[in-house]
Protein backbone atom coordinates (compact mmCIF):
# COMPACT_ATOMS: atom_id res chain seq x y z
CA MET A 1 0.20 0.08 0.08
CA GLY A 2 0.77 3.24 -0.93
CA ARG A 3 1.71 5.92 1.51
CA GLY A 4 -1.23 8.64 -0.07
CA ARG A 5 -3.28 5.23 0.66
CA GLN A 6 -1.64 4.10 3.96
CA LYS A 7 -1.94 7.72 5.38
CA ALA A 8 -5.53 8.33 3.80
CA LYS A 9 -6.85 5.10 6.11
CA HIS A 10 -5.05 6.19 9.48
CA THR A 11 -7.26 9.32 8.51
CA LYS A 12 -10.28 7.72 8.40
CA VAL A 13 -9.76 5.44 11.27
CA ALA A 14 -8.58 7.99 13.64
CA ARG A 15 -11.47 10.69 12.67
CA GLU A 16 -14.18 7.49 13.04
CA LEU A 17 -12.30 7.07 16.45
CA LYS A 18 -12.72 10.64 17.89
CA TYR A 19 -16.55 11.45 16.66
CA SER A 20 -17.59 7.97 17.14
CA VAL A 21 -19.73 7.47 19.80
CA HIS A 22 -19.27 4.74 22.31
CA GLU A 23 -20.36 2.99 25.76
CA THR A 24 -18.56 3.68 28.48
CA ASN A 25 -18.28 1.18 30.58
CA TYR A 26 -18.59 2.56 34.46
CA ASP A 27 -17.88 -0.82 36.34
CA ALA A 28 -14.93 -1.61 34.36
CA LEU A 29 -13.32 1.89 35.26
CA ALA A 30 -13.96 2.42 38.37
CA ARG A 31 -12.92 -1.16 38.91
CA GLU A 32 -9.28 0.54 37.41
CA LEU A 33 -9.54 3.70 38.96
CA SER A 34 -10.00 1.77 42.49
CA GLY A 35 -7.53 -0.06 42.36
CA GLY A 36 -9.44 -3.67 41.81
CA SER A 37 -8.91 -6.81 40.18
CA SER A 38 -6.44 -5.90 38.03
CA SER A 39 -5.17 -7.91 34.50
CA TYR A 40 -1.52 -6.32 35.22
CA PRO A 41 0.91 -8.25 37.11
CA ALA A 42 2.02 -7.42 40.51
CA THR A 43 5.31 -5.60 40.34
CA GLN A 44 8.14 -6.10 42.12
CA PRO A 45 9.42 -3.84 44.17
CA VAL A 46 12.84 -2.58 43.08
CA THR A 47 16.18 -3.04 45.38
CA GLU A 48 19.33 -1.78 44.99
CA GLU A 49 22.71 -3.24 45.41
CA PRO A 50 25.33 -1.77 48.42
CA ALA A 51 27.55 0.86 46.83
CA ASP A 52 30.38 -1.49 47.66
CA ASP A 53 28.23 -4.50 45.22
CA ILE A 54 28.29 -1.76 42.45
CA LEU A 55 31.86 -0.69 43.02
CA SER A 56 33.69 -4.10 42.98
CA LYS A 57 31.45 -5.55 40.22
CA TRP A 58 33.05 -2.29 37.61
CA SER A 59 36.45 -2.20 39.79
CA GLU A 60 38.28 -4.85 37.30
CA TYR A 61 37.94 -2.80 34.64
CA LEU A 62 39.41 0.64 36.65
CA ASP A 63 43.34 1.27 35.81
CA ASP A 64 45.63 0.93 38.05
CA ASP A 65 47.64 3.66 36.59
CA ASP A 66 45.55 6.75 37.69
CA ALA A 67 49.24 8.68 37.42
CA ASP A 68 49.19 8.58 33.63
CA GLU A 69 45.39 10.21 33.25
CA ASP A 70 46.73 13.80 34.32
CA ASP A 71 50.48 13.42 32.63
CA ASP A 72 48.51 12.59 28.63
CA THR A 73 51.80 12.49 26.86
CA SER A 74 50.01 10.29 23.64
CA GLY A 75 48.02 13.07 21.65
CA TYR A 76 48.37 16.81 20.70
CA GLU A 77 50.76 18.25 23.26
CA GLN A 78 53.82 14.96 21.83
CA LYS A 79 52.56 15.87 18.25
CA ARG A 80 53.74 19.37 18.12
CA ALA A 81 57.35 19.14 19.81
């Protein structure tokens, strides 16, 4: 289906949804708003890891030579000399 036909079909569907009159199920709406039985599963609370666990997990990626970061001679400065 070409883009013109696709857009026209989408516009038609959107117009039908916007202007048509739908029967509202107030009982289902009240259940949803009051937190009654839901079709969605209950979510588990998020537990955060202690900071030590996070640091130990990523510590293997840290360099031991922190002095080299301050003394950068591999970049532009070395080429100018």
